[in-house]
């Protein structure tokens, strides 16, 4: 099993154990399984497929850095998905309780 953390500028988005991770790096598609060799890669905007409990779950990534070693993976999302919102809208969503920190 792979211990996975997906981290955004807003904090920890997802944490858990997965069997496999399929992503698209700047060099092409790759699937990482347990005991894969250590890797650091830039990810393209892509679908990230996680194999969890024999189910496949898809997540969207837009620019991220992947680091894997010793069956621990970190995906660092470089931008928050809220970064393209106008500042006033971001503040309004936060005040309305849609965003909490």
C-alpha atoms as a PDB file:
ATOM      1  CA  UNK A   1       0.000   0.000   0.000  1.00  0.00           C
ATOM      2  CA  UNK A   2       1.020   3.589  -0.647  1.00  0.00           C
ATOM      3  CA  UNK A   3       0.515   6.278   2.009  1.00  0.00           C
ATOM      4  CA  UNK A   4      -0.811   9.229   0.017  1.00  0.00           C
ATOM      5  CA  UNK A   5      -1.157  12.922   0.842  1.00  0.00           C
ATOM      6  CA  UNK A   6      -2.542  15.486  -1.586  1.00  0.00           C
ATOM      7  CA  UNK A   7      -1.653  18.960  -0.363  1.00  0.00           C
ATOM      8  CA  UNK A   8      -2.917  22.275  -1.754  1.00  0.00           C
ATOM      9  CA  UNK A   9      -2.030  25.857  -0.799  1.00  0.00           C
ATOM     10  CA  UNK A  10      -5.179  25.753   1.368  1.00  0.00           C
ATOM     11  CA  UNK A  11      -3.945  22.714   3.307  1.00  0.00           C
ATOM     12  CA  UNK A  12      -4.311  18.933   3.294  1.00  0.00           C
ATOM     13  CA  UNK A  13      -6.910  17.861   0.714  1.00  0.00           C
ATOM     14  CA  UNK A  14      -6.718  14.058   0.962  1.00  0.00           C
ATOM     15  CA  UNK A  15      -4.832  11.542   3.059  1.00  0.00           C
ATOM     16  CA  UNK A  16      -5.067   7.773   3.046  1.00  0.00           C
ATOM     17  CA  UNK A  17      -3.738   4.510   1.694  1.00  0.00           C
ATOM     18  CA  UNK A  18      -4.055   3.533  -1.958  1.00  0.00           C
ATOM     19  CA  UNK A  19      -2.960   0.559  -4.012  1.00  0.00           C
ATOM     20  CA  UNK A  20      -1.916   2.506  -7.124  1.00  0.00           C
ATOM     21  CA  UNK A  21      -1.722   6.037  -8.527  1.00  0.00           C
ATOM     22  CA  UNK A  22      -2.037   6.799 -12.256  1.00  0.00           C
ATOM     23  CA  UNK A  23      -1.031  10.319 -13.419  1.00  0.00           C
ATOM     24  CA  UNK A  24       0.426  12.128 -16.408  1.00  0.00           C
ATOM     25  CA  UNK A  25       3.870  13.644 -15.886  1.00  0.00           C
ATOM     26  CA  UNK A  26       5.571  16.042 -18.273  1.00  0.00           C
ATOM     27  CA  UNK A  27       7.325  12.931 -19.660  1.00  0.00           C
ATOM     28  CA  UNK A  28       4.143  10.857 -20.154  1.00  0.00           C
ATOM     29  CA  UNK A  29       1.662   8.657 -18.299  1.00  0.00           C
ATOM     30  CA  UNK A  30       2.775   6.525 -15.374  1.00  0.00           C
ATOM     31  CA  UNK A  31       1.278   4.230 -12.783  1.00  0.00           C
ATOM     32  CA  UNK A  32       2.994   3.978  -9.424  1.00  0.00           C
ATOM     33  CA  UNK A  33       2.549   0.861  -7.310  1.00  0.00           C
ATOM     34  CA  UNK A  34       3.949  -0.117  -3.909  1.00  0.00           C
ATOM     35  CA  UNK A  35       7.742  -0.483  -3.817  1.00  0.00           C
ATOM     36  CA  UNK A  36       8.211   1.672  -6.938  1.00  0.00           C
ATOM     37  CA  UNK A  37      11.633   3.291  -7.196  1.00  0.00           C
ATOM     38  CA  UNK A  38      11.840   6.802  -5.697  1.00  0.00           C
ATOM     39  CA  UNK A  39      10.601   9.471  -8.082  1.00  0.00           C
ATOM     40  CA  UNK A  40      10.082  13.221  -8.227  1.00  0.00           C
ATOM     41  CA  UNK A  41       8.039  14.465 -11.201  1.00  0.00           C
ATOM     42  CA  UNK A  42       6.152  17.487 -12.439  1.00  0.00           C
ATOM     43  CA  UNK A  43       2.572  16.614 -13.339  1.00  0.00           C
ATOM     44  CA  UNK A  44       0.652  18.018 -16.265  1.00  0.00           C
ATOM     45  CA  UNK A  45      -2.987  19.019 -16.008  1.00  0.00           C
ATOM     46  CA  UNK A  46      -4.439  15.540 -15.844  1.00  0.00           C
ATOM     47  CA  UNK A  47      -6.801  13.056 -14.336  1.00  0.00           C
ATOM     48  CA  UNK A  48      -5.298  11.388 -11.268  1.00  0.00           C
ATOM     49  CA  UNK A  49      -6.713   7.888 -10.809  1.00  0.00           C
ATOM     50  CA  UNK A  50      -6.379   6.371  -7.351  1.00  0.00           C
ATOM     51  CA  UNK A  51      -7.011   2.676  -6.741  1.00  0.00           C
ATOM     52  CA  UNK A  52      -8.591   2.510  -3.293  1.00  0.00           C
ATOM     53  CA  UNK A  53     -10.070  -0.680  -1.848  1.00  0.00           C
ATOM     54  CA  UNK A  54     -10.273  -2.208  -5.336  1.00  0.00           C
ATOM     55  CA  UNK A  55     -12.207   0.828  -6.621  1.00  0.00           C
ATOM     56  CA  UNK A  56     -10.935   3.497  -9.000  1.00  0.00           C
ATOM     57  CA  UNK A  57     -11.508   7.135  -8.009  1.00  0.00           C
ATOM     58  CA  UNK A  58     -10.642  10.028 -10.315  1.00  0.00           C
ATOM     59  CA  UNK A  59      -9.426  13.482  -9.277  1.00  0.00           C
ATOM     60  CA  UNK A  60      -8.504  16.482 -11.425  1.00  0.00           C
ATOM     61  CA  UNK A  61      -5.026  17.961 -11.084  1.00  0.00           C
ATOM     62  CA  UNK A  62      -3.882  21.200 -12.672  1.00  0.00           C
ATOM     63  CA  UNK A  63      -0.163  21.555 -12.166  1.00  0.00           C
ATOM     64  CA  UNK A  64       1.393  19.611  -9.311  1.00  0.00           C
ATOM     65  CA  UNK A  65       4.611  18.083  -8.048  1.00  0.00           C
ATOM     66  CA  UNK A  66       4.705  14.370  -7.180  1.00  0.00           C
ATOM     67  CA  UNK A  67       7.252  12.904  -4.762  1.00  0.00           C
ATOM     68  CA  UNK A  68       7.401   9.184  -3.961  1.00  0.00           C
ATOM     69  CA  UNK A  69       9.823   7.235  -1.749  1.00  0.00           C
ATOM     70  CA  UNK A  70       9.521   4.377   0.757  1.00  0.00           C
ATOM     71  CA  UNK A  71       5.846   3.802  -0.148  1.00  0.00           C
ATOM     72  CA  UNK A  72       4.929   7.370   0.792  1.00  0.00           C
ATOM     73  CA  UNK A  73       3.618   9.756  -1.836  1.00  0.00           C
ATOM     74  CA  UNK A  74       3.014  13.482  -1.678  1.00  0.00           C
ATOM     75  CA  UNK A  75       1.272  15.372  -4.434  1.00  0.00           C
ATOM     76  CA  UNK A  76       1.770  19.101  -3.951  1.00  0.00           C
ATOM     77  CA  UNK A  77      -0.784  21.053  -5.912  1.00  0.00           C
ATOM     78  CA  UNK A  78       0.898  24.274  -6.966  1.00  0.00           C
ATOM     79  CA  UNK A  79      -2.237  26.437  -7.071  1.00  0.00           C
ATOM     80  CA  UNK A  80      -5.448  26.480  -5.160  1.00  0.00           C
ATOM     81  CA  UNK A  81      -8.494  25.869  -7.345  1.00  0.00           C
ATOM     82  CA  UNK A  82      -9.789  29.168  -5.919  1.00  0.00           C
ATOM     83  CA  UNK A  83      -6.815  31.178  -7.178  1.00  0.00           C
ATOM     84  CA  UNK A  84      -8.627  32.332 -10.332  1.00  0.00           C
ATOM     85  CA  UNK A  85     -11.573  33.744  -8.368  1.00  0.00           C
ATOM     86  CA  UNK A  86     -11.755  37.519  -7.991  1.00  0.00           C
ATOM     87  CA  UNK A  87     -10.582  38.473  -4.453  1.00  0.00           C
ATOM     88  CA  UNK A  88     -14.040  39.772  -3.488  1.00  0.00           C
ATOM     89  CA  UNK A  89     -15.738  36.504  -4.440  1.00  0.00           C
ATOM     90  CA  UNK A  90     -13.177  34.474  -2.474  1.00  0.00           C
ATOM     91  CA  UNK A  91     -13.842  36.634   0.621  1.00  0.00           C
ATOM     92  CA  UNK A  92     -17.620  36.356   0.138  1.00  0.00           C
ATOM     93  CA  UNK A  93     -17.447  32.539  -0.085  1.00  0.00           C
ATOM     94  CA  UNK A  94     -15.276  32.437   3.030  1.00  0.00           C
ATOM     95  CA  UNK A  95     -17.641  34.702   5.006  1.00  0.00           C
ATOM     96  CA  UNK A  96     -20.664  32.656   3.881  1.00  0.00           C
ATOM     97  CA  UNK A  97     -19.065  29.532   5.355  1.00  0.00           C
ATOM     98  CA  UNK A  98     -18.329  27.781   2.056  1.00  0.00           C
ATOM     99  CA  UNK A  99     -14.600  27.985   2.755  1.00  0.00           C
ATOM    100  CA  UNK A 100     -13.175  27.322   6.178  1.00  0.00           C
ATOM    101  CA  UNK A 101      -9.578  27.438   7.380  1.00  0.00           C
END
